[in-house]
PDB file of N, CA and C in Angstrom:
ATOM      1  N   MET A   1      59.557  60.419 113.862  1.00  0.00           N
ATOM      2  CA  MET A   1      59.146  61.748 113.929  1.00  0.00           C
ATOM      3  C   MET A   1      59.888  62.517 112.745  1.00  0.00           C
ATOM      4  N   PHE A   2      58.587  63.224 111.682  1.00  0.00           N
ATOM      5  CA  PHE A   2      59.239  63.506 110.553  1.00  0.00           C
ATOM      6  C   PHE A   2      58.619  64.922 110.155  1.00  0.00           C
ATOM      7  N   LEU A   3      59.535  65.743 109.676  1.00  0.00           N
ATOM      8  CA  LEU A   3      59.113  66.957 109.603  1.00  0.00           C
ATOM      9  C   LEU A   3      58.386  66.956 108.192  1.00  0.00           C
ATOM     10  N   LYS A   4      57.043  67.844 108.005  1.00  0.00           N
ATOM     11  CA  LYS A   4      56.760  67.727 106.460  1.00  0.00           C
ATOM     12  C   LYS A   4      56.361  69.106 105.978  1.00  0.00           C
ATOM     13  N   THR A   5      57.160  69.379 105.121  1.00  0.00           N
ATOM     14  CA  THR A   5      57.054  70.854 104.341  1.00  0.00           C
ATOM     15  C   THR A   5      56.984  70.618 102.947  1.00  0.00           C
ATOM     16  N   ARG A   6      56.733  71.281 102.138  1.00  0.00           N
ATOM     17  CA  ARG A   6      57.002  71.135 100.482  1.00  0.00           C
ATOM     18  C   ARG A   6      58.432  70.805 100.317  1.00  0.00           C
ATOM     19  N   GLN A   7      59.344  71.571 100.846  1.00  0.00           N
ATOM     20  CA  GLN A   7      60.859  71.306 100.737  1.00  0.00           C
ATOM     21  C   GLN A   7      61.211  69.806 101.269  1.00  0.00           C
ATOM     22  N   ALA A   8      60.848  69.283 102.472  1.00  0.00           N
ATOM     23  CA  ALA A   8      61.137  68.167 103.040  1.00  0.00           C
ATOM     24  C   ALA A   8      60.400  67.102 102.079  1.00  0.00           C
ATOM     25  N   ASN A   9      59.315  67.125 101.713  1.00  0.00           N
ATOM     26  CA  ASN A   9      58.616  66.270 101.141  1.00  0.00           C
ATOM     27  C   ASN A   9      59.390  65.997  99.312  1.00  0.00           C
ATOM     28  N   ALA A  10      59.501  67.166  98.888  1.00  0.00           N
ATOM     29  CA  ALA A  10      60.547  67.168  97.786  1.00  0.00           C
ATOM     30  C   ALA A  10      61.736  66.389  97.905  1.00  0.00           C
ATOM     31  N   ALA A  11      62.436  66.830  98.995  1.00  0.00           N
ATOM     32  CA  ALA A  11      63.740  66.348  99.103  1.00  0.00           C
ATOM     33  C   ALA A  11      64.019  65.078  99.833  1.00  0.00           C
ATOM     34  N   ASP A  12      62.714  64.262 100.011  1.00  0.00           N
ATOM     35  CA  ASP A  12      62.747  63.114 100.703  1.00  0.00           C
ATOM     36  C   ASP A  12      62.666  61.879  99.685  1.00  0.00           C
ATOM     37  N   ARG A  13      63.970  61.812  98.914  1.00  0.00           N
ATOM     38  CA  ARG A  13      64.069  60.657  98.359  1.00  0.00           C
ATOM     39  C   ARG A  13      62.844  60.489  97.246  1.00  0.00           C
ATOM     40  N   VAL A  14      62.355  61.734  96.671  1.00  0.00           N
ATOM     41  CA  VAL A  14      61.181  61.578  95.599  1.00  0.00           C
ATOM     42  C   VAL A  14      61.457  60.804  94.513  1.00  0.00           C
ATOM     43  N   ALA A  15      62.649  60.904  93.836  1.00  0.00           N
ATOM     44  CA  ALA A  15      63.090  60.011  92.892  1.00  0.00           C
ATOM     45  C   ALA A  15      63.020  58.575  92.940  1.00  0.00           C
ATOM     46  N   GLU A  16      63.415  58.003  94.133  1.00  0.00           N
ATOM     47  CA  GLU A  16      63.558  56.971  94.822  1.00  0.00           C
ATOM     48  C   GLU A  16      61.978  56.565  94.970  1.00  0.00           C
ATOM     49  N   ARG A  17      60.983  57.292  95.465  1.00  0.00           N
ATOM     50  CA  ARG A  17      59.840  56.991  96.084  1.00  0.00           C
ATOM     51  C   ARG A  17      58.880  56.636  94.748  1.00  0.00           C
ATOM     52  N   TRP A  18      59.016  57.277  93.888  1.00  0.00           N
ATOM     53  CA  TRP A  18      58.356  57.262  92.481  1.00  0.00           C
ATOM     54  C   TRP A  18      58.830  55.852  91.804  1.00  0.00           C
ATOM     55  N   LYS A  19      59.890  55.627  92.058  1.00  0.00           N
ATOM     56  CA  LYS A  19      60.477  54.258  91.438  1.00  0.00           C
ATOM     57  C   LYS A  19      60.069  53.284  92.208  1.00  0.00           C
ATOM     58  N   THR A  20      59.896  53.343  93.554  1.00  0.00           N
ATOM     59  CA  THR A  20      59.334  52.350  94.137  1.00  0.00           C
ATOM     60  C   THR A  20      57.949  51.929  93.892  1.00  0.00           C
ATOM     61  N   ILE A  21      57.031  52.959  93.609  1.00  0.00           N
ATOM     62  CA  ILE A  21      55.904  52.585  93.012  1.00  0.00           C
ATOM     63  C   ILE A  21      55.365  52.425  91.720  1.00  0.00           C
ATOM     64  N   TYR A  22      56.036  52.762  90.843  1.00  0.00           N
ATOM     65  CA  TYR A  22      56.032  52.869  89.378  1.00  0.00           C
ATOM     66  C   TYR A  22      57.076  51.586  88.641  1.00  0.00           C
ATOM     67  N   TYR A  23      58.204  51.229  89.475  1.00  0.00           N
ATOM     68  CA  TYR A  23      59.182  50.051  88.529  1.00  0.00           C
ATOM     69  C   TYR A  23      58.763  48.931  89.135  1.00  0.00           C
ATOM     70  N   TYR A  24      58.552  47.699  88.076  1.00  0.00           N
ATOM     71  CA  TYR A  24      58.387  46.461  88.648  1.00  0.00           C
ATOM     72  C   TYR A  24      59.832  45.977  88.829  1.00  0.00           C
ATOM     73  N   ARG A  25      60.501  45.778  89.739  1.00  0.00           N
ATOM     74  CA  ARG A  25      61.735  45.171  90.074  1.00  0.00           C
ATOM     75  C   ARG A  25      61.984  43.802  89.356  1.00  0.00           C
ATOM     76  N   ASN A  26      60.739  42.985  89.870  1.00  0.00           N
ATOM     77  CA  ASN A  26      60.932  41.477  89.407  1.00  0.00           C
ATOM     78  C   ASN A  26      60.771  41.514  87.901  1.00  0.00           C
ATOM     79  N   ARG A  27      59.916  42.368  87.146  1.00  0.00           N
ATOM     80  CA  ARG A  27      59.969  42.187  85.687  1.00  0.00           C
ATOM     81  C   ARG A  27      60.687  43.083  84.993  1.00  0.00           C
ATOM     82  N   ASN A  28      61.462  43.836  85.608  1.00  0.00           N
ATOM     83  CA  ASN A  28      62.566  45.019  85.041  1.00  0.00           C
ATOM     84  C   ASN A  28      61.624  45.764  83.996  1.00  0.00           C
ATOM     85  N   LYS A  29      60.668  46.213  84.772  1.00  0.00           N
ATOM     86  CA  LYS A  29      59.821  46.715  83.593  1.00  0.00           C
ATOM     87  C   LYS A  29      59.164  48.209  84.255  1.00  0.00           C
ATOM     88  N   TRP A  30      58.968  49.457  83.771  1.00  0.00           N
ATOM     89  CA  TRP A  30      58.304  50.597  84.291  1.00  0.00           C
ATOM     90  C   TRP A  30      56.767  50.243  84.102  1.00  0.00           C
ATOM     91  N   MET A  31      56.135  50.578  84.952  1.00  0.00           N
ATOM     92  CA  MET A  31      54.702  50.645  84.709  1.00  0.00           C
ATOM     93  C   MET A  31      54.079  51.870  84.221  1.00  0.00           C
ATOM     94  N   ASN A  32      53.078  51.970  83.444  1.00  0.00           N
ATOM     95  CA  ASN A  32      52.499  52.997  82.682  1.00  0.00           C
ATOM     96  C   ASN A  32      51.329  53.362  83.275  1.00  0.00           C
ATOM     97  N   THR A  33      50.895  54.642  83.248  1.00  0.00           N
ATOM     98  CA  THR A  33      49.566  54.730  83.787  1.00  0.00           C
ATOM     99  C   THR A  33      48.503  55.223  82.895  1.00  0.00           C
ATOM    100  N   LEU A  34      47.216  55.550  82.876  1.00  0.00           N
ATOM    101  CA  LEU A  34      46.448  56.187  82.161  1.00  0.00           C
ATOM    102  C   LEU A  34      46.850  57.731  81.737  1.00  0.00           C
ATOM    103  N   VAL A  35      47.320  58.335  83.091  1.00  0.00           N
ATOM    104  CA  VAL A  35      47.591  59.842  83.293  1.00  0.00           C
ATOM    105  C   VAL A  35      48.907  59.907  82.773  1.00  0.00           C
ATOM    106  N   ILE A  36      49.999  59.007  83.236  1.00  0.00           N
ATOM    107  CA  ILE A  36      51.332  59.190  82.628  1.00  0.00           C
ATOM    108  C   ILE A  36      52.053  57.859  82.229  1.00  0.00           C
ATOM    109  N   SER A  37      52.018  58.243  80.577  1.00  0.00           N
ATOM    110  CA  SER A  37      52.578  57.042  79.616  1.00  0.00           C
ATOM    111  C   SER A  37      53.884  56.935  80.224  1.00  0.00           C
ATOM    112  N   ASP A  38      54.716  57.753  80.365  1.00  0.00           N
ATOM    113  CA  ASP A  38      56.428  57.350  80.651  1.00  0.00           C
ATOM    114  C   ASP A  38      56.861  57.476  81.959  1.00  0.00           C
ATOM    115  N   THR A  39      56.549  56.768  83.085  1.00  0.00           N
ATOM    116  CA  THR A  39      57.032  56.796  84.229  1.00  0.00           C
ATOM    117  C   THR A  39      58.377  56.681  84.673  1.00  0.00           C
ATOM    118  N   GLU A  40      59.074  56.129  83.622  1.00  0.00           N
ATOM    119  CA  GLU A  40      60.271  56.349  83.819  1.00  0.00           C
ATOM    120  C   GLU A  40      61.045  57.545  83.638  1.00  0.00           C
ATOM    121  N   SER A  41      60.597  58.265  82.504  1.00  0.00           N
ATOM    122  CA  SER A  41      61.277  59.535  82.230  1.00  0.00           C
ATOM    123  C   SER A  41      60.934  60.486  83.175  1.00  0.00           C
ATOM    124  N   VAL A  42      59.644  60.462  83.791  1.00  0.00           N
ATOM    125  CA  VAL A  42      59.084  61.336  84.913  1.00  0.00           C
ATOM    126  C   VAL A  42      60.569  61.177  86.238  1.00  0.00           C
ATOM    127  N   TYR A  43      60.647  59.626  86.245  1.00  0.00           N
ATOM    128  CA  TYR A  43      61.838  59.022  87.077  1.00  0.00           C
ATOM    129  C   TYR A  43      63.091  59.662  86.930  1.00  0.00           C
ATOM    130  N   ASN A  44      63.377  59.935  85.885  1.00  0.00           N
ATOM    131  CA  ASN A  44      64.937  59.981  85.232  1.00  0.00           C
ATOM    132  C   ASN A  44      64.941  61.732  85.526  1.00  0.00           C
ATOM    133  N   GLN A  45      63.952  62.572  85.315  1.00  0.00           N
ATOM    134  CA  GLN A  45      63.757  63.766  85.552  1.00  0.00           C
ATOM    135  C   GLN A  45      63.861  64.182  86.838  1.00  0.00           C
ATOM    136  N   LEU A  46      63.153  63.622  87.712  1.00  0.00           N
ATOM    137  CA  LEU A  46      63.455  63.693  89.162  1.00  0.00           C
ATOM    138  C   LEU A  46      64.645  63.440  89.758  1.00  0.00           C
ATOM    139  N   ALA A  47      65.116  62.146  89.413  1.00  0.00           N
ATOM    140  CA  ALA A  47      66.487  61.997  89.746  1.00  0.00           C
ATOM    141  C   ALA A  47      67.956  63.210  89.496  1.00  0.00           C
ATOM    142  N   ALA A  48      67.350  63.529  88.267  1.00  0.00           N
ATOM    143  CA  ALA A  48      68.280  64.484  87.656  1.00  0.00           C
ATOM    144  C   ALA A  48      68.277  66.050  88.711  1.00  0.00           C
ATOM    145  N   LEU A  49      66.828  66.296  89.430  1.00  0.00           N
ATOM    146  CA  LEU A  49      67.099  67.392  90.252  1.00  0.00           C
ATOM    147  C   LEU A  49      68.090  67.252  91.537  1.00  0.00           C
ATOM    148  N   GLY A  50      68.812  66.039  91.521  1.00  0.00           N
ATOM    149  CA  GLY A  50      69.602  65.664  92.871  1.00  0.00           C
ATOM    150  C   GLY A  50      68.801  65.442  94.197  1.00  0.00           C
ATOM    151  N   PRO A  51      69.909  65.551  95.229  1.00  0.00           N
ATOM    152  CA  PRO A  51      69.088  65.416  96.454  1.00  0.00           C
ATOM    153  C   PRO A  51      68.078  66.291  97.186  1.00  0.00           C
ATOM    154  N   THR A  52      68.306  67.766  96.588  1.00  0.00           N
ATOM    155  CA  THR A  52      67.685  68.787  97.368  1.00  0.00           C
ATOM    156  C   THR A  52      66.912  69.547  96.310  1.00  0.00           C
ATOM    157  N   PRO A  53      65.856  68.975  95.783  1.00  0.00           N
ATOM    158  CA  PRO A  53      65.192  69.752  94.488  1.00  0.00           C
ATOM    159  C   PRO A  53      64.445  70.620  95.276  1.00  0.00           C
ATOM    160  N   ASN A  54      63.900  71.715  94.164  1.00  0.00           N
ATOM    161  CA  ASN A  54      63.119  72.733  94.291  1.00  0.00           C
ATOM    162  C   ASN A  54      61.567  71.924  94.071  1.00  0.00           C
ATOM    163  N   PRO A  55      60.832  72.258  95.379  1.00  0.00           N
ATOM    164  CA  PRO A  55      59.362  71.583  95.039  1.00  0.00           C
ATOM    165  C   PRO A  55      58.534  71.933  93.902  1.00  0.00           C
ATOM    166  N   ASP A  56      58.971  73.311  93.415  1.00  0.00           N
ATOM    167  CA  ASP A  56      58.182  73.735  92.116  1.00  0.00           C
ATOM    168  C   ASP A  56      58.391  72.907  90.978  1.00  0.00           C
ATOM    169  N   ASP A  57      59.873  72.608  90.799  1.00  0.00           N
ATOM    170  CA  ASP A  57      60.059  71.475  89.828  1.00  0.00           C
ATOM    171  C   ASP A  57      59.817  70.054  89.793  1.00  0.00           C
ATOM    172  N   VAL A  58      59.643  69.696  90.965  1.00  0.00           N
ATOM    173  CA  VAL A  58      58.905  68.369  91.292  1.00  0.00           C
ATOM    174  C   VAL A  58      57.352  68.531  91.167  1.00  0.00           C
ATOM    175  N   ASP A  59      56.912  69.413  91.301  1.00  0.00           N
ATOM    176  CA  ASP A  59      55.485  69.795  91.037  1.00  0.00           C
ATOM    177  C   ASP A  59      55.191  69.385  89.237  1.00  0.00           C
ATOM    178  N   ARG A  60      56.257  70.496  88.741  1.00  0.00           N
ATOM    179  CA  ARG A  60      55.966  70.505  87.214  1.00  0.00           C
ATOM    180  C   ARG A  60      56.436  69.166  86.489  1.00  0.00           C
ATOM    181  N   ILE A  61      57.532  68.543  86.836  1.00  0.00           N
ATOM    182  CA  ILE A  61      57.641  67.187  86.227  1.00  0.00           C
ATOM    183  C   ILE A  61      56.608  66.010  86.678  1.00  0.00           C
ATOM    184  N   ILE A  62      55.935  66.132  87.976  1.00  0.00           N
ATOM    185  CA  ILE A  62      54.942  65.034  87.945  1.00  0.00           C
ATOM    186  C   ILE A  62      53.579  65.505  87.477  1.00  0.00           C
ATOM    187  N   GLY A  63      53.249  67.086  87.480  1.00  0.00           N
ATOM    188  CA  GLY A  63      52.352  67.413  87.003  1.00  0.00           C
ATOM    189  C   GLY A  63      51.031  67.852  87.926  1.00  0.00           C
ATOM    190  N   ASN A  64      51.416  67.759  89.192  1.00  0.00           N
ATOM    191  CA  ASN A  64      50.722  68.085  90.547  1.00  0.00           C
ATOM    192  C   ASN A  64      51.471  68.406  91.379  1.00  0.00           C
ATOM    193  N   ASP A  65      50.739  68.580  92.521  1.00  0.00           N
ATOM    194  CA  ASP A  65      51.577  68.952  94.081  1.00  0.00           C
ATOM    195  C   ASP A  65      51.239  67.567  94.963  1.00  0.00           C
ATOM    196  N   THR A  66      50.836  66.829  94.793  1.00  0.00           N
ATOM    197  CA  THR A  66      50.567  65.802  95.687  1.00  0.00           C
ATOM    198  C   THR A  66      51.744  65.005  96.277  1.00  0.00           C
ATOM    199  N   TRP A  67      53.061  65.337  95.523  1.00  0.00           N
ATOM    200  CA  TRP A  67      54.172  64.511  95.872  1.00  0.00           C
ATOM    201  C   TRP A  67      54.827  65.509  97.244  1.00  0.00           C
ATOM    202  N   THR A  68      54.511  66.877  96.932  1.00  0.00           N
ATOM    203  CA  THR A  68      55.357  67.755  97.684  1.00  0.00           C
ATOM    204  C   THR A  68      54.538  68.513  99.021  1.00  0.00           C
ATOM    205  N   ASP A  69      53.169  68.558  98.647  1.00  0.00           N
ATOM    206  CA  ASP A  69      52.001  69.126  99.693  1.00  0.00           C
ATOM    207  C   ASP A  69      52.154  68.413 100.933  1.00  0.00           C
ATOM    208  N   PRO A  70      52.296  69.103 102.091  1.00  0.00           N
ATOM    209  CA  PRO A  70      52.570  68.705 103.225  1.00  0.00           C
ATOM    210  C   PRO A  70      51.444  68.295 103.837  1.00  0.00           C
ATOM    211  N   GLY A  71      50.059  68.829 103.459  1.00  0.00           N
ATOM    212  CA  GLY A  71      48.854  67.994 104.073  1.00  0.00           C
ATOM    213  C   GLY A  71      48.079  68.798 104.766  1.00  0.00           C
ATOM    214  N   GLU A  72      47.325  68.179 105.462  1.00  0.00           N
ATOM    215  CA  GLU A  72      46.519  68.840 106.609  1.00  0.00           C
ATOM    216  C   GLU A  72      46.642  68.100 108.143  1.00  0.00           C
ATOM    217  N   CYS A  73      46.389  68.734 108.942  1.00  0.00           N
ATOM    218  CA  CYS A  73      46.656  68.285 110.358  1.00  0.00           C
ATOM    219  C   CYS A  73      45.495  67.403 110.913  1.00  0.00           C
ATOM    220  N   ASP A  74      46.001  66.202 111.254  1.00  0.00           N
ATOM    221  CA  ASP A  74      44.846  65.333 111.855  1.00  0.00           C
ATOM    222  C   ASP A  74      44.363  65.678 112.961  1.00  0.00           C
ATOM    223  N   GLU A  75      44.505  66.756 113.711  1.00  0.00           N
ATOM    224  CA  GLU A  75      43.908  67.308 114.819  1.00  0.00           C
ATOM    225  C   GLU A  75      42.903  68.385 114.502  1.00  0.00           C
ATOM    226  N   CYS A  76      43.359  69.383 113.852  1.00  0.00           N
ATOM    227  CA  CYS A  76      42.187  70.604 113.336  1.00  0.00           C
ATOM    228  C   CYS A  76      41.736  70.569 112.424  1.00  0.00           C
ATOM    229  N   GLY A  77      42.265  69.676 111.287  1.00  0.00           N
ATOM    230  CA  GLY A  77      42.048  69.397 109.987  1.00  0.00           C
ATOM    231  C   GLY A  77      42.442  70.611 108.937  1.00  0.00           C
ATOM    232  N   LYS A  78      43.020  71.518 109.516  1.00  0.00           N
ATOM    233  CA  LYS A  78      43.438  72.542 108.702  1.00  0.00           C
ATOM    234  C   LYS A  78      44.685  72.358 107.629  1.00  0.00           C
ATOM    235  N   PRO A  79      44.830  72.897 106.632  1.00  0.00           N
ATOM    236  CA  PRO A  79      46.121  72.622 105.882  1.00  0.00           C
ATOM    237  C   PRO A  79      46.984  73.383 106.467  1.00  0.00           C
ATOM    238  N   ASN A  80      48.311  73.050 106.186  1.00  0.00           N
ATOM    239  CA  ASN A  80      49.256  73.953 107.121  1.00  0.00           C
ATOM    240  C   ASN A  80      50.541  73.373 106.289  1.00  0.00           C
ATOM    241  N   ALA A  81      51.555  74.611 106.149  1.00  0.00           N
ATOM    242  CA  ALA A  81      53.055  74.399 105.610  1.00  0.00           C
ATOM    243  C   ALA A  81      53.608  73.790 106.263  1.00  0.00           C
ATOM    244  N   VAL A  82      53.545  73.610 107.596  1.00  0.00           N
ATOM    245  CA  VAL A  82      54.649  72.972 108.311  1.00  0.00           C
ATOM    246  C   VAL A  82      53.748  72.302 109.243  1.00  0.00           C
ATOM    247  N   LEU A  83      54.187  70.583 109.151  1.00  0.00           N
ATOM    248  CA  LEU A  83      53.339  69.824 109.963  1.00  0.00           C
ATOM    249  C   LEU A  83      54.644  68.821 110.370  1.00  0.00           C
ATOM    250  N   VAL A  84      54.392  68.060 111.696  1.00  0.00           N
ATOM    251  CA  VAL A  84      55.222  66.932 112.043  1.00  0.00           C
ATOM    252  C   VAL A  84      54.348  65.907 111.922  1.00  0.00           C
ATOM    253  N   GLU A  85      54.958  64.666 111.376  1.00  0.00           N
ATOM    254  CA  GLU A  85      54.318  63.319 111.451  1.00  0.00           C
ATOM    255  C   GLU A  85      54.954  62.626 112.744  1.00  0.00           C
ATOM    256  N   VAL A  86      54.055  62.098 113.507  1.00  0.00           N
ATOM    257  CA  VAL A  86      54.408  60.967 114.822  1.00  0.00           C
ATOM    258  C   VAL A  86      53.855  59.988 114.666  1.00  0.00           C
ATOM    259  N   GLY A  87      54.563  58.922 115.434  1.00  0.00           N
ATOM    260  CA  GLY A  87      54.122  57.509 115.224  1.00  0.00           C
ATOM    261  C   GLY A  87      54.924  56.644 114.530  1.00  0.00           C
ATOM    262  N   GLU A  88      53.858  55.359 113.817  1.00  0.00           N
ATOM    263  CA  GLU A  88      54.618  54.624 112.834  1.00  0.00           C
ATOM    264  C   GLU A  88      54.471  55.423 111.190  1.00  0.00           C
ATOM    265  N   LEU A  89      55.419  54.558 110.491  1.00  0.00           N
ATOM    266  CA  LEU A  89      55.225  55.138 109.033  1.00  0.00           C
ATOM    267  C   LEU A  89      54.084  54.901 108.705  1.00  0.00           C
ATOM    268  N   PRO A  90      53.619  55.895 107.787  1.00  0.00           N
ATOM    269  CA  PRO A  90      52.119  55.536 107.302  1.00  0.00           C
ATOM    270  C   PRO A  90      51.807  54.316 106.575  1.00  0.00           C
ATOM    271  N   ASP A  91      50.829  54.077 106.848  1.00  0.00           N
ATOM    272  CA  ASP A  91      50.586  52.462 106.154  1.00  0.00           C
ATOM    273  C   ASP A  91      49.118  52.220 106.614  1.00  0.00           C
ATOM    274  N   TYR A  92      48.362  51.235 105.765  1.00  0.00           N
ATOM    275  CA  TYR A  92      47.316  50.601 106.250  1.00  0.00           C
ATOM    276  C   TYR A  92      47.180  50.465 107.890  1.00  0.00           C
ATOM    277  N   GLU A  93      46.113  51.071 108.589  1.00  0.00           N
ATOM    278  CA  GLU A  93      45.818  50.765 109.836  1.00  0.00           C
ATOM    279  C   GLU A  93      47.329  51.068 110.730  1.00  0.00           C
ATOM    280  N   SER A  94      48.039  51.792 110.334  1.00  0.00           N
ATOM    281  CA  SER A  94      49.189  52.535 111.016  1.00  0.00           C
ATOM    282  C   SER A  94      48.770  53.162 112.182  1.00  0.00           C
ATOM    283  N   CYS A  95      49.380  53.612 113.240  1.00  0.00           N
ATOM    284  CA  CYS A  95      48.985  54.647 114.278  1.00  0.00           C
ATOM    285  C   CYS A  95      49.980  55.745 114.224  1.00  0.00           C
ATOM    286  N   THR A  96      49.701  56.664 113.049  1.00  0.00           N
ATOM    287  CA  THR A  96      50.421  57.874 112.601  1.00  0.00           C
ATOM    288  C   THR A  96      49.581  58.701 112.908  1.00  0.00           C
ATOM    289  N   ALA A  97      50.016  60.213 113.161  1.00  0.00           N
ATOM    290  CA  ALA A  97      49.291  61.259 113.375  1.00  0.00           C
ATOM    291  C   ALA A  97      50.235  62.504 112.395  1.00  0.00           C
ATOM    292  N   THR A  98      49.666  63.334 111.557  1.00  0.00           N
ATOM    293  CA  THR A  98      50.427  64.365 111.216  1.00  0.00           C
ATOM    294  C   THR A  98      49.662  65.589 111.828  1.00  0.00           C
ATOM    295  N   ILE A  99      50.481  66.541 112.439  1.00  0.00           N
ATOM    296  CA  ILE A  99      50.046  67.248 113.379  1.00  0.00           C
ATOM    297  C   ILE A  99      50.758  68.712 113.223  1.00  0.00           C
ATOM    298  N   CYS A 100      49.926  69.997 113.105  1.00  0.00           N
ATOM    299  CA  CYS A 100      50.517  71.372 112.947  1.00  0.00           C
ATOM    300  C   CYS A 100      51.239  71.898 114.553  1.00  0.00           C
ATOM    301  N   THR A 101      52.040  72.830 114.128  1.00  0.00           N
ATOM    302  CA  THR A 101      52.762  73.364 115.455  1.00  0.00           C
ATOM    303  C   THR A 101      51.868  73.886 116.523  1.00  0.00           C
ATOM    304  N   ALA A 102      50.424  74.567 115.759  1.00  0.00           N
ATOM    305  CA  ALA A 102      49.631  75.108 116.785  1.00  0.00           C
ATOM    306  C   ALA A 102      48.831  73.788 117.384  1.00  0.00           C
ATOM    307  N   CYS A 103      48.708  73.072 116.982  1.00  0.00           N
ATOM    308  CA  CYS A 103      48.158  71.732 117.721  1.00  0.00           C
ATOM    309  C   CYS A 103      49.159  71.061 118.574  1.00  0.00           C
ATOM    310  N   LEU A 104      50.279  71.112 118.223  1.00  0.00           N
ATOM    311  CA  LEU A 104      51.333  70.514 119.006  1.00  0.00           C
ATOM    312  C   LEU A 104      51.872  71.216 120.272  1.00  0.00           C
ATOM    313  N   GLU A 105      51.578  72.676 120.275  1.00  0.00           N
ATOM    314  CA  GLU A 105      51.575  73.862 121.267  1.00  0.00           C
ATOM    315  C   GLU A 105      50.941  73.513 122.253  1.00  0.00           C
ATOM    316  N   ALA A 106      49.472  73.396 121.644  1.00  0.00           N
ATOM    317  CA  ALA A 106      48.392  73.218 122.592  1.00  0.00           C
ATOM    318  C   ALA A 106      48.491  71.821 123.518  1.00  0.00           C
ATOM    319  N   ALA A 107      48.918  70.812 122.420  1.00  0.00           N
ATOM    320  CA  ALA A 107      49.298  69.423 123.397  1.00  0.00           C
ATOM    321  C   ALA A 107      50.249  69.437 124.269  1.00  0.00           C
ATOM    322  N   LEU A 108      51.333  70.037 124.306  1.00  0.00           N
ATOM    323  CA  LEU A 108      52.073  70.415 125.134  1.00  0.00           C
ATOM    324  C   LEU A 108      51.887  71.331 126.401  1.00  0.00           C
ATOM    325  N   LYS A 109      51.022  72.017 126.036  1.00  0.00           N
ATOM    326  CA  LYS A 109      50.366  72.762 127.135  1.00  0.00           C
ATOM    327  C   LYS A 109      49.265  72.297 128.147  1.00  0.00           C
ATOM    328  N   LEU A 110      48.764  71.273 127.250  1.00  0.00           N
ATOM    329  CA  LEU A 110      47.794  70.422 128.045  1.00  0.00           C
ATOM    330  C   LEU A 110      48.461  69.238 128.998  1.00  0.00           C
ATOM    331  N   ALA A 111      49.656  68.956 128.440  1.00  0.00           N
ATOM    332  CA  ALA A 111      50.428  67.926 129.282  1.00  0.00           C
ATOM    333  C   ALA A 111      51.256  68.642 130.375  1.00  0.00           C
ATOM    334  N   LYS A 112      51.726  69.733 130.105  1.00  0.00           N
ATOM    335  CA  LYS A 112      52.368  70.601 131.172  1.00  0.00           C
ATOM    336  C   LYS A 112      51.231  71.053 132.102  1.00  0.00           C
ATOM    337  N   ASP A 113      50.138  71.418 131.903  1.00  0.00           N
ATOM    338  CA  ASP A 113      49.244  71.904 132.727  1.00  0.00           C
ATOM    339  C   ASP A 113      48.822  70.669 133.711  1.00  0.00           C
ATOM    340  N   ALA A 114      48.626  69.550 133.091  1.00  0.00           N
ATOM    341  CA  ALA A 114      48.511  68.150 133.855  1.00  0.00           C
ATOM    342  C   ALA A 114      49.471  67.853 134.693  1.00  0.00           C
ATOM    343  N   GLN A 115      50.993  68.247 134.726  1.00  0.00           N
ATOM    344  CA  GLN A 115      51.954  67.996 135.398  1.00  0.00           C
ATOM    345  C   GLN A 115      51.823  68.852 136.784  1.00  0.00           C
ATOM    346  N   CYS A 116      51.288  70.302 136.366  1.00  0.00           N
ATOM    347  CA  CYS A 116      51.117  71.104 137.580  1.00  0.00           C
ATOM    348  C   CYS A 116      49.884  70.815 138.374  1.00  0.00           C
ATOM    349  N   ASP A 117      48.879  70.070 138.056  1.00  0.00           N
ATOM    350  CA  ASP A 117      47.698  69.733 138.733  1.00  0.00           C
ATOM    351  C   ASP A 117      47.856  68.367 139.465  1.00  0.00           C
ATOM    352  N   SER A 118      49.158  67.618 139.019  1.00  0.00           N
ATOM    353  CA  SER A 118      49.153  66.317 139.768  1.00  0.00           C
ATOM    354  C   SER A 118      50.210  66.351 140.842  1.00  0.00           C
ATOM    355  N   PRO A 119      49.576  65.815 141.763  1.00  0.00           N
ATOM    356  CA  PRO A 119      50.593  65.949 143.422  1.00  0.00           C
ATOM    357  C   PRO A 119      52.003  65.026 142.542  1.00  0.00           C
ATOM    358  N   ALA A 120      52.874  65.850 143.441  1.00  0.00           N
ATOM    359  CA  ALA A 120      54.436  65.082 143.195  1.00  0.00           C
ATOM    360  C   ALA A 120      54.338  63.726 143.494  1.00  0.00           C
ATOM    361  N   ALA A 121      55.144  63.035 142.718  1.00  0.00           N
ATOM    362  CA  ALA A 121      55.313  61.604 142.733  1.00  0.00           C
ATOM    363  C   ALA A 121      56.107  61.261 144.065  1.00  0.00           C
ATOM    364  N   PRO A 122      55.739  60.252 144.848  1.00  0.00           N
ATOM    365  CA  PRO A 122      56.427  59.821 145.898  1.00  0.00           C
ATOM    366  C   PRO A 122      57.907  59.501 145.642  1.00  0.00           C
ATOM    367  N   PRO A 123      58.779  59.577 146.742  1.00  0.00           N
ATOM    368  CA  PRO A 123      60.297  59.655 146.425  1.00  0.00           C
ATOM    369  C   PRO A 123      60.598  57.874 146.106  1.00  0.00           C
ATOM    370  N   LYS A 124      61.551  57.593 145.379  1.00  0.00           N
ATOM    371  CA  LYS A 124      61.644  56.080 145.378  1.00  0.00           C
ATOM    372  C   LYS A 124      62.712  55.558 146.396  1.00  0.00           C
ATOM    373  N   PRO A 125      62.285  54.440 147.015  1.00  0.00           N
ATOM    374  CA  PRO A 125      63.028  53.838 147.915  1.00  0.00           C
ATOM    375  C   PRO A 125      64.513  53.610 147.660  1.00  0.00           C
TER     376      PRO A 125
END
């Protein structure tokens, strides 16, 4: 289970995540893209921010907010500043859900109401 906020996303090893995507370890070479011609420079700037970077600084270095934006709730579809990611680590066909606090509270209420409606479990022998 992971907390997803702008600060949490910025502090979540952003420089190392960048390196994982843009550095070919087997070739000892940085990948350059059509949009970012010097991915190594971006990595160095991100690494210089330290372990708890300001999300605005991360956005400025990368050039957009895709690395810090928490995203949308998978239940209600609304963008939210605080989300909780549950399940497997996100990957192709993973069982992962990102849920806002309002939807988490609604789910908890649903479960608690079901417990109240259920007959008590028989005692164990």
